[in-house]
Structures are given as structure tokens and as C-alpha cells.
Amino acid sequence: MVAEEPSGIQARMPQSPVSEHPASAWPGGPALAGGLVLIVAGAVLAANSTGAASKFAAVPIVAGVLLLAGLTAVSPGQARVVSLFGRYAGTVRDTGLRWVNPFTRRQRISTRIRNHETEVLKVNDADGNPIEMAAVVVWQVDDTAKAVYAVDDFVQFVAIQTETAVRHIAGNYPYDAHRDEQLSLRQNAEEITSRLSAEITARVASAGVHVIESRITRLSYASEIAQAMLRRQQADAVVAARQRLVEGAVGMVRQALDDLADQGIVDLDEERKAAMVSNLLVVLCSDHATQPVVNTGSLYQ
């Protein structure tokens, strides 16, 4: 399987040698009853016969034991991967008491929904800043044959591949965006999460695992730069607030000059307009309350 990753690099996962298919299995009730009957009949025959005839009593007993040996109980949320002499023979998903070939090996596999949460990983984002990141993935075994035969330990495989995907995603995006069209880990959590889910899905598909959901559970700057980055964020916030304040103040000054000119309240030359603009901007953009000065003379004094 070939999956394209966000950076353009392709993660190449090998194809699994097998895929799941149903195993030959029958209801276990008749086999249980038949096995018990054969064992009891063999025991009775052995007790009531003597000499060479007693040897034939072992035949129904052996047949009964083989019938009982083929019984397999399958609980809800579980499956049995059946193999015969090292060859995959199918999977039993039907719950209850089932009967399969007694010479097969039946491996129990859980098909329940599972959670895996990564440890807090210290990685570098796209800007090279150290960050701490953790994620949780909800997954389920979808193909039991791949889970058993494609990887050594599918639970450990999911854990390692999830950590690898988290590290890869963290290294391809900055913590904070420096441009409007740029994706960042903090501002675009939903889109980053969907890309994380897609990458984990591509990485674990060869193990027969289906990823239901993944979420970023922790995202922060590393402790050694947290204070510096906090000050930078505060500075960015102050600059953004100042820009918004200046834009509003310029609009208010423009509106005041236009209203004065349209209504003919006062006729200002360019020098008086500049003085008025300066005073209004000081009043509107100042951090502190301004002290008004009442002009008791003429406009030009």
C-alpha cells in the first residue's frame, strides 16, 4: 500500500500475505452431544467386553475425544483465527459454541474497540521550535488474518506507528501560523487531526487495523521555551490589537472630517485639519485617559 503523506513523501507499506475469510465451522451442540455419547458408549463397551473385543472399545472413545477437541467457544467481541499445519484456514466470527477441525490451531483475537494514547512526545515543529505533543487513537481489528500474520504484534505495531505519525505531523507544521493561508498545529486543530487520522490509517492498514478516530490530547511549547513563546504571543496580540485600534481611529477621524465638511459647520484649512487629525488620533489611540484643553481664544490661537 502506498499512501501520500502531507510533505509529499510516500510511506510504503508491504502487502499482507493473507486476507480474512470465513473458516469452515459448524454448530457445536451436536458435536458436544455426539462426543459425550461416543465416550460413554466406549466406556460401556470396554466394561462389558473381554479379550480382543475390549480393544475395539477404544475406537468410539477416540472418536468422541476428537469431536470434543474440535469444540471452540467464541465470545462476543472476539474471533478465532484457524490454521491447519501452519496454513491459514479462515476465521470464526460467529459467537457461541462452534466445531472446527480438531487438528487446527485456533488463536483468539479481540475485535473490540480499543484506545491507545501516546506518551507526551517532545518534537520539533516545522519552525524548529521544541513542542510537546500527545495523541489518542481509537482503533479496531478489521482483518484478523492480517493482524496475526502480517506483523509480529499488532498492538505494539499500532502504538509505534501512531507515535511515528504524531512525530511526522508535528514536524511538518508550525505551532503558530505566520501567514494567513498557512496551516498550524494550534489554529487548525480539526484539519491537522484529520490528516493525522489519514496517516495513521495508511500506516496500520497492512496489519488489518481500522482507525475509527484520532485526537490530539496535548499540544504546548516545551518548558525551556514556553515563557519566551508566551511573551511572543503576547507581543503579537498587542500588535494585532494596536493595528485594529489604529484602523478604527483612522475611520472615525475620516468620518468626523467628512461630516464637518458636508454639514458646513466649520471650514478648516490643511494645517488645521492636520492638527485636528493629530489630536483625535492621540485621544483615540492613547492607553491612558487624555486631559482635554479648552481653547478660550480663536481657532488660530
Protein backbone atom coordinates (compact mmCIF):
# COMPACT_ATOMS: atom_id res chain seq x y z
CA MET A 1 0.00 0.00 0.00
CA VAL A 2 1.24 3.45 -0.90
CA ALA A 3 -0.08 6.45 1.00
CA GLU A 4 0.90 10.03 0.23
CA GLU A 5 1.92 11.95 3.30
CA PRO A 6 1.43 15.71 3.81
CA SER A 7 5.04 16.51 2.98
CA GLY A 8 4.84 14.68 -0.33
CA ILE A 9 6.96 11.76 0.95
CA GLN A 10 5.27 8.40 0.43
CA ALA A 11 5.02 5.80 3.19
CA ARG A 12 5.37 2.39 1.54
CA MET A 13 3.80 -0.46 3.48
CA PRO A 14 4.11 -4.06 2.17
CA GLN A 15 1.04 -6.03 1.19
CA SER A 16 -0.19 -8.61 3.68
CA PRO A 17 0.34 -12.26 2.62
CA VAL A 18 -3.25 -13.21 3.56
CA SER A 19 -6.70 -11.69 3.96
CA GLU A 20 -9.51 -12.77 6.23
CA HIS A 21 -12.12 -15.24 5.02
CA PRO A 22 -14.63 -17.39 6.95
CA ALA A 23 -13.45 -20.72 8.30
CA SER A 24 -15.38 -23.96 7.97
CA ALA A 25 -17.25 -24.21 11.25
CA TRP A 26 -20.44 -25.93 12.35
CA PRO A 27 -22.71 -25.63 15.38
CA GLY A 28 -21.06 -27.15 18.41
CA GLY A 29 -24.15 -28.56 20.16
CA PRO A 30 -24.47 -31.74 18.07
CA ALA A 31 -20.72 -32.32 18.25
CA LEU A 32 -20.80 -31.96 22.04
CA ALA A 33 -23.66 -34.43 22.36
CA GLY A 34 -22.12 -36.88 19.90
CA GLY A 35 -18.75 -36.76 21.62
CA LEU A 36 -20.24 -37.48 25.03
CA VAL A 37 -22.34 -40.32 23.63
CA LEU A 38 -19.32 -41.92 21.95
CA ILE A 39 -17.18 -41.71 25.08
CA VAL A 40 -19.94 -43.20 27.25
CA ALA A 41 -20.59 -45.93 24.67
CA GLY A 42 -16.89 -46.78 24.50
CA ALA A 43 -16.65 -46.94 28.28
CA VAL A 44 -19.68 -49.23 28.49
CA LEU A 45 -18.31 -51.40 25.72
CA ALA A 46 -14.95 -51.66 27.44
CA ALA A 47 -16.59 -52.60 30.73
CA ASN A 48 -18.79 -55.33 29.23
CA SER A 49 -16.30 -56.93 26.84
CA THR A 50 -13.31 -59.13 27.45
CA GLY A 51 -10.30 -60.20 25.47
CA ALA A 52 -9.79 -58.90 21.93
CA ALA A 53 -13.25 -57.33 21.83
CA SER A 54 -12.27 -54.84 24.51
CA LYS A 55 -9.72 -53.29 22.17
CA PHE A 56 -12.47 -52.05 19.87
CA ALA A 57 -13.90 -50.05 22.77
CA ALA A 58 -11.12 -47.52 22.29
CA VAL A 59 -12.45 -46.58 18.83
CA PRO A 60 -15.60 -44.72 19.98
CA ILE A 61 -13.66 -43.19 22.85
CA VAL A 62 -11.03 -41.75 20.50
CA ALA A 63 -13.75 -40.54 18.12
CA GLY A 64 -15.57 -38.86 20.99
CA VAL A 65 -12.39 -37.18 22.20
CA LEU A 66 -11.72 -35.84 18.70
CA LEU A 67 -15.24 -34.45 18.49
CA LEU A 68 -14.84 -32.69 21.83
CA ALA A 69 -11.38 -31.41 20.86
CA GLY A 70 -12.91 -29.57 17.90
CA LEU A 71 -15.28 -27.54 20.07
CA THR A 72 -14.47 -23.84 20.17
CA ALA A 73 -16.30 -21.19 22.18
CA VAL A 74 -16.40 -17.74 20.58
CA SER A 75 -17.42 -14.84 22.83
CA PRO A 76 -18.92 -11.55 21.60
CA GLY A 77 -16.17 -9.13 20.58
CA GLN A 78 -13.78 -11.96 19.79
CA ALA A 79 -12.79 -14.06 16.79
CA ARG A 80 -10.78 -17.23 16.32
CA VAL A 81 -8.08 -17.39 13.66
CA VAL A 82 -7.88 -21.01 12.49
CA SER A 83 -4.74 -22.52 10.98
CA LEU A 84 -4.08 -26.10 9.89
CA PHE A 85 -0.46 -27.27 9.94
CA GLY A 86 0.79 -23.69 9.63
CA ARG A 87 -1.61 -22.67 6.85
CA TYR A 88 -4.35 -20.11 7.41
CA ALA A 89 -7.73 -21.85 7.22
CA GLY A 90 -10.09 -18.96 7.98
CA THR A 91 -11.60 -17.01 10.83
CA VAL A 92 -14.56 -17.88 13.02
CA ARG A 93 -16.58 -14.78 13.96
CA ASP A 94 -19.94 -16.42 14.78
CA THR A 95 -20.44 -16.35 18.53
CA GLY A 96 -21.37 -19.35 20.62
CA LEU A 97 -20.14 -22.93 20.63
CA ARG A 98 -18.71 -23.89 17.24
CA TRP A 99 -16.99 -27.01 15.94
CA VAL A 100 -13.96 -26.94 13.66
CA ASN A 101 -11.35 -29.43 12.58
CA PRO A 102 -9.82 -30.73 15.85
CA PHE A 103 -6.32 -30.75 14.34
CA THR A 104 -6.36 -26.97 13.75
CA ARG A 105 -4.84 -24.27 15.91
CA ARG A 106 -7.34 -21.63 17.00
CA GLN A 107 -5.91 -18.29 18.09
CA ARG A 108 -8.13 -15.88 19.99
CA ILE A 109 -8.20 -12.29 18.64
CA SER A 110 -10.15 -9.44 20.22
CA THR A 111 -12.26 -7.40 17.80
CA ARG A 112 -13.37 -4.90 20.44
CA ILE A 113 -12.75 -1.17 20.07
CA ARG A 114 -9.52 -0.10 21.74
CA ASN A 115 -7.85 3.15 22.77
CA HIS A 116 -4.18 3.95 22.54
CA GLU A 117 -2.77 7.17 23.95
CA THR A 118 0.79 8.09 23.14
CA GLU A 119 3.18 9.41 25.72
CA VAL A 120 3.92 13.13 25.72
CA LEU A 121 6.43 13.41 22.89
CA LYS A 122 8.97 16.21 22.65
CA VAL A 123 9.41 17.02 18.95
CA ASN A 124 10.37 19.97 16.78
CA ASP A 125 7.71 21.71 14.72
CA ALA A 126 8.26 23.00 11.17
CA ASP A 127 10.00 26.11 12.54
CA GLY A 128 12.38 24.06 14.66
CA ASN A 129 10.74 25.01 17.96
CA PRO A 130 10.58 22.20 20.55
CA ILE A 131 6.99 21.33 21.41
CA GLU A 132 5.24 18.69 23.50
CA MET A 133 2.53 16.71 21.77
CA ALA A 134 0.39 13.68 22.54
CA ALA A 135 -2.50 11.99 20.76
CA VAL A 136 -5.09 9.28 21.31
CA VAL A 137 -6.24 6.89 18.60
CA VAL A 138 -9.39 4.75 18.67
CA TRP A 139 -8.94 1.59 16.63
CA GLN A 140 -10.31 -1.87 15.99
CA VAL A 141 -9.08 -5.04 14.31
CA ASP A 142 -10.85 -5.25 10.96
CA ASP A 143 -8.95 -8.12 9.32
CA THR A 144 -7.90 -10.78 11.82
CA ALA A 145 -5.73 -12.66 9.34
CA LYS A 146 -3.59 -9.59 8.63
CA ALA A 147 -3.38 -8.81 12.35
CA VAL A 148 -1.97 -12.26 13.08
CA TYR A 149 0.19 -12.98 10.04
CA ALA A 150 1.28 -9.58 8.68
CA VAL A 151 3.00 -8.28 11.85
CA ASP A 152 4.59 -9.81 14.92
CA ASP A 153 2.47 -7.93 17.48
CA PHE A 154 -0.33 -5.80 16.06
CA VAL A 155 -0.93 -3.95 19.36
CA GLN A 156 2.70 -2.84 19.56
CA PHE A 157 2.64 -2.12 15.82
CA VAL A 158 -0.27 0.30 16.25
CA ALA A 159 1.49 2.01 19.16
CA ILE A 160 4.76 2.53 17.26
CA GLN A 161 3.10 3.65 14.04
CA THR A 162 0.88 6.10 15.93
CA GLU A 163 3.91 7.66 17.59
CA THR A 164 5.68 7.85 14.23
CA ALA A 165 2.68 9.59 12.65
CA VAL A 166 2.46 12.10 15.50
CA ARG A 167 6.14 12.96 15.14
CA HIS A 168 5.80 13.30 11.36
CA ILE A 169 2.73 15.56 11.56
CA ALA A 170 4.33 17.72 14.24
CA GLY A 171 7.45 18.21 12.13
CA ASN A 172 5.53 19.28 9.04
CA TYR A 173 3.52 22.15 10.53
CA PRO A 174 4.43 25.13 12.72
CA TYR A 175 2.92 25.58 16.14
CA ASP A 176 1.65 29.06 15.18
CA ALA A 177 0.94 30.29 11.65
CA HIS A 178 2.94 33.25 10.35
CA ARG A 179 0.78 33.71 7.23
CA ASP A 180 -2.98 33.72 6.80
CA GLU A 181 -3.03 30.76 4.40
CA GLN A 182 -0.57 28.67 6.44
CA LEU A 183 -1.81 25.71 8.47
CA SER A 184 -0.65 25.49 12.07
CA LEU A 185 -0.99 22.95 14.84
CA ARG A 186 -2.74 25.36 17.20
CA GLN A 187 -5.09 27.26 14.89
CA ASN A 188 -6.09 24.40 12.57
CA ALA A 189 -6.61 21.55 15.03
CA GLU A 190 -9.50 19.94 13.13
CA GLU A 191 -7.71 19.76 9.79
CA ILE A 192 -4.46 18.63 11.39
CA THR A 193 -6.37 15.92 13.26
CA SER A 194 -7.96 14.65 10.04
CA ARG A 195 -4.53 14.45 8.40
CA LEU A 196 -3.18 12.64 11.45
CA SER A 197 -6.01 10.10 11.20
CA ALA A 198 -5.33 9.60 7.49
CA GLU A 199 -1.63 8.99 8.09
CA ILE A 200 -2.21 6.55 10.96
CA THR A 201 -4.77 4.70 8.81
CA ALA A 202 -2.26 4.34 5.98
CA ARG A 203 0.45 3.11 8.33
CA VAL A 204 -1.59 0.43 10.13
CA ALA A 205 -3.74 -0.80 7.21
CA SER A 206 -1.27 -3.60 6.42
CA ALA A 207 -1.92 -5.01 9.92
CA GLY A 208 -5.67 -5.23 9.33
CA VAL A 209 -6.43 -2.39 11.73
CA HIS A 210 -9.19 0.17 11.17
CA VAL A 211 -8.70 3.61 12.73
CA ILE A 212 -12.02 4.98 13.98
CA GLU A 213 -10.79 8.33 15.28
CA SER A 214 -7.68 10.11 16.46
CA ARG A 215 -7.35 13.29 18.51
CA ILE A 216 -4.52 15.49 19.72
CA THR A 217 -4.75 15.44 23.50
CA ARG A 218 -1.83 17.73 24.34
CA LEU A 219 -0.10 20.49 22.43
CA SER A 220 2.22 23.02 24.02
CA TYR A 221 5.67 24.53 23.74
CA ALA A 222 8.43 22.72 25.58
CA SER A 223 9.17 24.08 29.04
CA GLU A 224 12.54 25.56 28.03
CA ILE A 225 10.97 27.98 25.55
CA ALA A 226 7.44 28.26 26.92
CA GLN A 227 8.00 31.63 28.61
CA ALA A 228 9.72 33.14 25.59
CA MET A 229 6.96 31.95 23.26
CA LEU A 230 4.33 33.26 25.66
CA ARG A 231 5.92 36.69 25.52
CA ARG A 232 6.00 36.49 21.73
CA GLN A 233 2.33 35.55 21.61
CA GLN A 234 1.52 38.44 23.93
CA ALA A 235 3.53 40.80 21.73
CA ASP A 236 1.71 39.52 18.63
CA ALA A 237 -1.61 40.07 20.37
CA VAL A 238 -0.65 43.62 21.35
CA VAL A 239 0.45 44.41 17.78
CA ALA A 240 -2.79 42.99 16.36
CA ALA A 241 -4.84 44.99 18.87
CA ARG A 242 -2.90 48.15 18.00
CA GLN A 243 -3.50 47.60 14.29
CA ARG A 244 -7.22 47.16 14.88
CA LEU A 245 -7.29 50.24 17.09
CA VAL A 246 -5.48 52.39 14.52
CA GLU A 247 -7.78 51.20 11.74
CA GLY A 248 -10.81 52.16 13.81
CA ALA A 249 -9.33 55.50 14.82
CA VAL A 250 -8.50 56.43 11.21
CA GLY A 251 -12.05 55.58 10.17
CA MET A 252 -13.51 57.73 12.94
CA VAL A 253 -11.27 60.69 12.05
CA ARG A 254 -12.18 60.39 8.37
CA GLN A 255 -15.86 60.30 9.23
CA ALA A 256 -15.52 63.36 11.50
CA LEU A 257 -13.78 65.40 8.80
CA ASP A 258 -16.32 64.34 6.16
CA ASP A 259 -19.26 65.24 8.42
CA LEU A 260 -17.79 68.65 9.21
CA ALA A 261 -17.25 69.37 5.54
CA ASP A 262 -20.66 68.09 4.39
CA GLN A 263 -22.63 69.99 7.02
CA GLY A 264 -20.57 73.17 6.67
CA ILE A 265 -20.06 73.51 10.41
CA VAL A 266 -16.54 74.85 10.13
CA ASP A 267 -14.12 75.49 7.28
CA LEU A 268 -10.69 74.11 8.10
CA ASP A 269 -7.54 74.65 6.10
CA GLU A 270 -4.99 71.89 5.64
CA GLU A 271 -2.95 72.96 8.68
CA ARG A 272 -5.99 72.92 10.99
CA LYS A 273 -7.09 69.59 9.57
CA ALA A 274 -3.65 68.12 10.32
CA ALA A 275 -3.83 69.45 13.89
CA MET A 276 -7.31 68.02 14.35
CA VAL A 277 -6.28 64.64 12.97
CA SER A 278 -3.28 64.57 15.29
CA ASN A 279 -5.37 65.41 18.35
CA LEU A 280 -8.07 62.88 17.52
CA LEU A 281 -5.56 60.10 16.93
CA VAL A 282 -3.87 60.87 20.25
CA VAL A 283 -7.23 60.70 22.03
CA LEU A 284 -8.41 57.53 20.31
CA CYS A 285 -5.13 55.57 20.35
CA SER A 286 -3.83 56.51 23.79
CA ASP A 287 -3.58 53.88 26.52
CA HIS A 288 -4.48 56.43 29.18
CA ALA A 289 -7.28 58.90 29.57
CA THR A 290 -6.42 62.24 27.94
CA GLN A 291 -6.80 65.61 29.64
CA PRO A 292 -8.89 67.98 27.50
CA VAL A 293 -7.66 71.53 26.95
CA VAL A 294 -10.41 74.09 26.41
CA ASN A 295 -9.46 76.74 23.87
CA THR A 296 -10.95 80.07 25.06
CA GLY A 297 -9.46 82.06 22.23
CA SER A 298 -9.90 81.83 18.49
CA LEU A 299 -9.26 78.74 16.44
CA TYR A 300 -5.82 80.01 15.38
CA GLN A 301 -4.57 80.95 18.88
